[in-house]
Amino acid sequence: MSVEIEPAELGFRRPFTVEVSESLRIRNPNSTPVAFKVKTTAPKQYCVRPNSGRIEPDREVEVTVLLQAMKQDPPADYKCRDKFLVQAVPITGDKEFISVQDIWDRVEKADVQERKIRVAFLAAEDPDAVAPTITPARQTATNGFDFTPDVPPPSYVSPREEPKLNGVLSPEAAWSDRKSVPNVASPATSQAASPSPAAHVTTSPAAAQITTTAANDKDATIAALTAKLAEAEALISSLRKDGGLRQRKGAAGSTGVSEKSGDADSTATGDVPTAQLQQQVRQGTEGVPLQVTAILVLLSFLLAYFFF
């Protein structure tokens, strides 16, 4: 039992400074399923996807082989000695429900069919042709050949193309589009933004008017309080003058009475001056009336409240 492999030799075309991809087709012409595995003598240089699997009868599998990018191209007369080994083993009825890995672990070496494929480096057809790809991680197998794990390779995006996700451009694409497309919406934006200064101009006179009104009210209150304070001071001075006149008049009257009644009874003479003296003392100690004092206190409080 064997499988058919095309092509018989893998040819990779230059340049090799980028990754180069080639395909390998494995066909099963038998009536039973076949498990296959692909190995290489240069596992660090190549990536194989898929590197193992199952092929149903009369079906084929396409295997992608990636040649990793080199720092520089080898010489033109360089002969590549890399090889690939394709192994195949039939899947019998007792192995129908066993995984491919278990089949390879339990298979007898005599049941394994092997085909070797050589690798050739070819000249470039188009110097500008570049097929960059991303190489996934690889793993080392036994039997002297290395192979990469059976993991699907990640999707590749060309660096010259700007990816779009759900209709959203990448930052670079959005920036380039912004540069290429003229800004049509800018006049509308400026017109929409223009009412803002007008709004400020409208509100500023109202605020100024409120401030001016408050200042005028404060000035009027201060003027009224100053006038009341002047009236209170005038009232206090007039009361002080009236108190002085009364005191002088009382003193003069008491002197005349004492001179005229020098010969009177000592008891009567002693009582009259005592009553007059008490009246004079009462007039002298009365001071500022209570109402005037209350007005002064109120004015002082208002002045301190508005000025301090």
Protein backbone atom coordinates (compact mmCIF):
# COMPACT_ATOMS: atom_id res chain seq x y z
CA MET A 1 0.00 0.00 0.00
CA SER A 2 1.40 3.36 -0.99
CA VAL A 3 0.32 6.94 -1.61
CA GLU A 4 0.82 9.23 -4.61
CA ILE A 5 2.84 12.41 -4.06
CA GLU A 6 3.09 15.41 -6.36
CA PRO A 7 5.48 16.93 -7.14
CA ALA A 8 8.37 14.51 -6.78
CA GLU A 9 10.72 17.44 -6.04
CA LEU A 10 9.99 20.66 -4.17
CA GLY A 11 11.39 23.69 -5.97
CA PHE A 12 11.62 27.04 -4.13
CA ARG A 13 12.25 30.15 -6.22
CA ARG A 14 14.34 33.11 -5.16
CA PRO A 15 14.48 35.55 -3.44
CA PHE A 16 14.96 33.77 -0.12
CA THR A 17 15.17 36.93 1.99
CA VAL A 18 11.42 36.47 2.42
CA GLU A 19 9.40 33.35 3.17
CA VAL A 20 8.57 31.19 0.16
CA SER A 21 5.62 28.79 0.07
CA GLU A 22 5.16 25.61 -1.96
CA SER A 23 2.45 22.93 -1.99
CA LEU A 24 2.74 19.17 -1.73
CA ARG A 25 -0.25 16.99 -2.69
CA ILE A 26 -0.65 13.54 -1.14
CA ARG A 27 -3.33 11.27 -2.65
CA ASN A 28 -4.68 7.98 -1.30
CA PRO A 29 -5.62 5.65 -4.22
CA ASN A 30 -6.38 2.73 -1.89
CA SER A 31 -9.73 1.47 -0.60
CA THR A 32 -8.84 1.96 3.06
CA PRO A 33 -7.96 5.13 4.95
CA VAL A 34 -4.33 6.07 5.34
CA ALA A 35 -2.51 7.96 8.08
CA PHE A 36 0.38 10.12 6.87
CA LYS A 37 3.21 12.11 8.39
CA VAL A 38 5.68 14.58 6.81
CA LYS A 39 9.21 15.06 8.21
CA THR A 40 12.21 17.13 7.12
CA THR A 41 15.96 17.04 7.60
CA ALA A 42 16.04 20.81 8.25
CA PRO A 43 13.31 21.51 10.81
CA LYS A 44 14.63 25.01 11.57
CA GLN A 45 14.45 26.00 7.92
CA TYR A 46 10.99 24.69 6.97
CA CYS A 47 7.46 24.74 8.34
CA VAL A 48 4.94 22.07 7.26
CA ARG A 49 1.14 22.45 7.55
CA PRO A 50 -0.41 19.96 8.18
CA ASN A 51 2.48 17.71 9.10
CA SER A 52 0.26 14.68 9.84
CA GLY A 53 -3.31 13.52 9.38
CA ARG A 54 -5.71 11.05 7.79
CA ILE A 55 -6.60 10.60 4.14
CA GLU A 56 -9.83 8.86 3.16
CA PRO A 57 -9.95 6.49 0.14
CA ASP A 58 -9.62 8.23 -3.24
CA ARG A 59 -9.01 11.55 -1.52
CA GLU A 60 -5.98 13.82 -1.38
CA VAL A 61 -4.53 16.34 1.06
CA GLU A 62 -2.60 19.48 0.17
CA VAL A 63 0.36 20.13 2.47
CA THR A 64 1.90 23.62 2.58
CA VAL A 65 5.67 23.85 3.01
CA LEU A 66 7.15 27.22 4.05
CA LEU A 67 10.81 28.06 3.54
CA GLN A 68 11.89 30.48 6.27
CA ALA A 69 13.38 33.82 5.27
CA MET A 70 17.18 33.99 5.12
CA LYS A 71 19.42 36.92 5.95
CA GLN A 72 20.79 36.82 2.42
CA ASP A 73 20.32 34.71 -0.68
CA PRO A 74 22.72 31.80 -1.13
CA PRO A 75 25.00 31.80 -4.17
CA ALA A 76 23.47 31.11 -7.56
CA ASP A 77 25.29 27.77 -7.89
CA TYR A 78 24.29 26.61 -4.40
CA LYS A 79 22.92 23.06 -4.32
CA CYS A 80 20.34 22.39 -1.61
CA ARG A 81 20.63 19.04 0.14
CA ASP A 82 17.46 19.28 2.21
CA LYS A 83 14.97 16.42 1.97
CA PHE A 84 11.43 15.62 3.04
CA LEU A 85 10.17 12.22 4.13
CA VAL A 86 6.50 11.27 3.68
CA GLN A 87 5.37 8.27 5.74
CA ALA A 88 2.06 6.46 5.31
CA VAL A 89 0.41 3.58 7.13
CA PRO A 90 -2.99 1.93 6.46
CA ILE A 91 -5.77 2.33 9.01
CA THR A 92 -7.34 -1.10 9.50
CA GLY A 93 -10.70 -1.85 11.08
CA ASP A 94 -9.28 -2.31 14.56
CA LYS A 95 -7.68 1.17 14.35
CA GLU A 96 -10.73 2.96 12.98
CA PHE A 97 -11.56 4.76 16.21
CA ILE A 98 -8.01 5.45 17.34
CA SER A 99 -6.40 8.86 16.97
CA VAL A 100 -3.66 9.40 14.42
CA GLN A 101 -1.07 9.93 17.13
CA ASP A 102 -1.96 6.61 18.79
CA ILE A 103 -1.73 4.86 15.41
CA TRP A 104 1.82 6.12 14.93
CA ASP A 105 2.73 5.13 18.48
CA ARG A 106 1.52 1.53 17.95
CA VAL A 107 2.44 0.94 14.32
CA GLU A 108 5.04 -1.60 13.27
CA LYS A 109 7.97 -0.26 11.33
CA ALA A 110 7.43 -2.84 8.60
CA ASP A 111 3.94 -1.46 7.91
CA VAL A 112 5.19 2.09 7.27
CA GLN A 113 5.59 3.18 3.65
CA GLU A 114 8.14 5.99 3.05
CA ARG A 115 8.79 8.36 0.16
CA LYS A 116 11.65 10.86 -0.01
CA ILE A 117 11.31 14.24 -1.70
CA ARG A 118 14.28 16.41 -2.62
CA VAL A 119 14.43 20.21 -2.40
CA ALA A 120 15.82 22.46 -5.12
CA PHE A 121 16.51 26.22 -5.11
CA LEU A 122 15.38 27.81 -8.37
CA ALA A 123 16.09 31.17 -9.93
CA ALA A 124 13.56 33.94 -9.52
CA GLU A 125 11.03 34.40 -12.31
CA ASP A 126 9.96 37.87 -11.15
CA PRO A 127 12.44 39.79 -8.96
CA ASP A 128 9.60 41.88 -7.52
CA ALA A 129 7.48 38.87 -6.56
CA VAL A 130 7.33 38.57 -2.79
CA ALA A 131 5.17 36.12 -0.87
CA PRO A 132 5.77 36.93 2.82
CA THR A 133 4.12 34.68 5.39
CA ILE A 134 4.28 34.07 9.11
CA THR A 135 5.93 30.89 10.33
CA PRO A 136 4.46 29.17 13.40
CA ALA A 137 6.51 27.33 16.00
CA ARG A 138 7.88 23.88 15.22
CA GLN A 139 8.48 20.74 17.21
CA THR A 140 11.05 17.92 16.94
CA ALA A 141 9.98 14.34 16.36
CA THR A 142 11.79 11.04 16.66
CA ASN A 143 13.28 8.66 14.03
CA GLY A 144 15.88 11.24 13.00
CA PHE A 145 13.34 13.58 11.32
CA ASP A 146 11.81 16.75 12.67
CA PHE A 147 8.35 18.00 11.99
CA THR A 148 6.17 20.87 13.10
CA PRO A 149 3.10 20.32 15.32
CA ASP A 150 -0.31 19.84 13.76
CA VAL A 151 -1.58 23.32 14.61
CA PRO A 152 -3.32 25.57 12.08
CA PRO A 153 -1.09 28.50 11.12
CA PRO A 154 -2.20 32.03 12.11
CA SER A 155 -3.73 34.23 9.48
CA TYR A 156 -1.31 36.51 7.73
CA VAL A 157 -1.95 40.17 6.96
CA SER A 158 0.25 41.99 4.48
CA PRO A 159 2.08 44.99 6.01
CA ARG A 160 1.09 47.09 2.98
CA GLU A 161 -2.63 46.60 3.60
CA GLU A 162 -4.53 48.34 6.34
CA PRO A 163 -6.79 45.84 8.18
CA LYS A 164 -10.46 46.64 8.65
CA LEU A 165 -12.42 45.13 11.50
CA ASN A 166 -16.20 45.46 11.37
CA GLY A 167 -15.90 48.49 9.12
CA VAL A 168 -13.45 50.30 11.43
CA LEU A 169 -10.18 51.45 9.93
CA SER A 170 -6.86 51.09 11.69
CA PRO A 171 -5.29 54.32 13.08
CA GLU A 172 -2.86 54.53 10.12
CA ALA A 173 -5.63 54.02 7.55
CA ALA A 174 -7.88 56.52 9.28
CA TRP A 175 -5.07 59.08 9.27
CA SER A 176 -4.29 58.53 5.59
CA ASP A 177 -8.01 58.84 4.72
CA ARG A 178 -8.19 62.00 6.75
CA LYS A 179 -5.30 63.44 4.74
CA SER A 180 -6.67 62.39 1.34
CA VAL A 181 -10.30 63.47 1.83
CA PRO A 182 -10.90 67.24 2.13
CA ASN A 183 -12.48 68.44 5.29
CA VAL A 184 -16.01 69.17 4.12
CA ALA A 185 -17.61 69.19 7.53
CA SER A 186 -15.33 71.94 8.87
CA PRO A 187 -17.59 74.89 7.78
CA ALA A 188 -20.59 73.28 9.43
CA THR A 189 -18.55 72.67 12.51
CA SER A 190 -17.38 76.27 12.62
CA GLN A 191 -20.95 77.49 12.07
CA ALA A 192 -22.20 75.23 14.83
CA ALA A 193 -19.48 76.44 17.14
CA SER A 194 -19.98 80.15 16.30
CA PRO A 195 -23.04 80.74 18.58
CA SER A 196 -20.89 80.12 21.63
CA PRO A 197 -19.35 83.64 21.74
CA ALA A 198 -22.78 85.15 21.22
CA ALA A 199 -24.06 83.25 24.20
CA HIS A 200 -21.21 84.63 26.29
CA VAL A 201 -21.92 88.15 25.05
CA THR A 202 -25.59 87.76 25.95
CA THR A 203 -24.96 86.56 29.47
CA SER A 204 -22.14 89.02 30.26
CA PRO A 205 -24.31 92.22 30.40
CA ALA A 206 -26.76 90.48 32.75
CA ALA A 207 -23.98 89.55 35.12
CA ALA A 208 -22.53 93.07 34.90
CA GLN A 209 -25.96 94.57 35.57
CA ILE A 210 -26.44 92.38 38.66
CA THR A 211 -23.00 93.38 39.95
CA THR A 212 -23.71 97.09 39.32
CA THR A 213 -27.09 96.85 41.08
CA ALA A 214 -25.55 95.16 44.09
CA ALA A 215 -22.82 97.82 44.24
CA ASN A 216 -25.40 100.63 44.01
CA ASP A 217 -27.51 99.05 46.77
CA LYS A 218 -24.44 98.73 48.96
CA ASP A 219 -23.48 102.37 48.35
CA ALA A 220 -27.02 103.51 49.15
CA THR A 221 -27.04 101.50 52.37
CA ILE A 222 -23.67 102.91 53.40
CA ALA A 223 -24.85 106.46 52.67
CA ALA A 224 -28.02 105.92 54.74
CA LEU A 225 -26.03 104.49 57.63
CA THR A 226 -23.58 107.41 57.47
CA ALA A 227 -26.45 109.89 57.58
CA LYS A 228 -27.98 108.11 60.57
CA LEU A 229 -24.63 108.11 62.31
CA ALA A 230 -24.26 111.87 61.75
CA GLU A 231 -27.74 112.45 63.14
CA ALA A 232 -26.93 110.33 66.19
CA GLU A 233 -23.72 112.25 66.80
CA ALA A 234 -25.56 115.57 66.52
CA LEU A 235 -28.21 114.31 68.97
CA ILE A 236 -25.53 113.20 71.42
CA SER A 237 -23.76 116.58 71.27
CA SER A 238 -27.03 118.46 71.80
CA LEU A 239 -27.90 116.24 74.77
CA ARG A 240 -24.50 116.86 76.28
CA LYS A 241 -24.97 120.62 75.91
CA ASP A 242 -28.41 120.44 77.53
CA GLY A 243 -27.02 118.42 80.43
CA GLY A 244 -24.22 121.00 80.99
CA LEU A 245 -26.65 123.90 81.01
CA ARG A 246 -28.90 122.16 83.51
CA GLN A 247 -25.96 121.41 85.76
CA ARG A 248 -24.80 125.06 85.72
CA LYS A 249 -28.31 126.33 86.35
CA GLY A 250 -28.79 123.97 89.29
CA ALA A 251 -25.49 125.02 90.84
CA ALA A 252 -26.34 128.71 90.54
CA GLY A 253 -29.78 128.23 92.09
CA SER A 254 -28.44 126.27 95.02
CA THR A 255 -25.89 129.03 95.78
CA GLY A 256 -28.55 131.76 95.82
CA VAL A 257 -30.84 129.79 98.05
CA SER A 258 -28.09 129.10 100.56
CA GLU A 259 -27.16 132.84 100.73
CA LYS A 260 -30.74 133.97 101.22
CA SER A 261 -31.63 131.40 103.85
CA GLY A 262 -28.53 131.80 106.01
CA ASP A 263 -30.56 132.72 109.05
CA ALA A 264 -33.22 130.04 108.63
CA ASP A 265 -33.63 126.96 110.72
CA SER A 266 -30.67 124.59 110.54
CA THR A 267 -32.90 121.59 109.81
CA ALA A 268 -34.70 123.27 106.88
CA THR A 269 -31.48 124.76 105.58
CA GLY A 270 -29.76 121.33 105.61
CA ASP A 271 -32.65 119.60 103.74
CA VAL A 272 -32.87 121.96 100.75
CA PRO A 273 -29.24 121.76 99.65
CA THR A 274 -29.31 117.96 100.06
CA ALA A 275 -32.27 117.55 97.65
CA GLN A 276 -30.67 119.88 95.11
CA LEU A 277 -27.38 118.04 95.30
CA GLN A 278 -29.11 114.70 94.74
CA GLN A 279 -30.86 116.11 91.67
CA GLN A 280 -27.58 117.47 90.29
CA VAL A 281 -25.81 114.16 90.88
CA ARG A 282 -28.69 112.31 89.18
CA GLN A 283 -28.52 114.66 86.20
CA GLY A 284 -24.75 114.32 86.01
CA THR A 285 -24.76 110.52 86.15
CA GLU A 286 -27.58 109.95 83.65
CA GLY A 287 -25.18 110.28 80.60
CA VAL A 288 -26.45 109.19 77.15
CA PRO A 289 -30.08 108.01 76.97
CA LEU A 290 -30.85 104.36 76.30
CA GLN A 291 -32.39 104.99 72.87
CA VAL A 292 -29.32 106.84 71.65
CA THR A 293 -27.10 104.05 72.89
CA ALA A 294 -29.17 101.42 71.05
CA ILE A 295 -29.00 103.44 67.82
CA LEU A 296 -25.22 103.75 68.12
CA VAL A 297 -24.82 100.02 68.71
CA LEU A 298 -27.01 99.18 65.71
CA LEU A 299 -25.10 101.58 63.46
CA SER A 300 -21.76 100.17 64.56
CA PHE A 301 -22.95 96.62 63.86
CA LEU A 302 -24.22 97.53 60.40
CA LEU A 303 -21.00 99.36 59.52
CA ALA A 304 -18.91 96.42 60.66
CA TYR A 305 -21.15 93.97 58.76
CA PHE A 306 -20.93 95.83 55.44
CA PHE A 307 -17.30 96.96 55.57
CA PHE A 308 -15.60 94.08 57.33
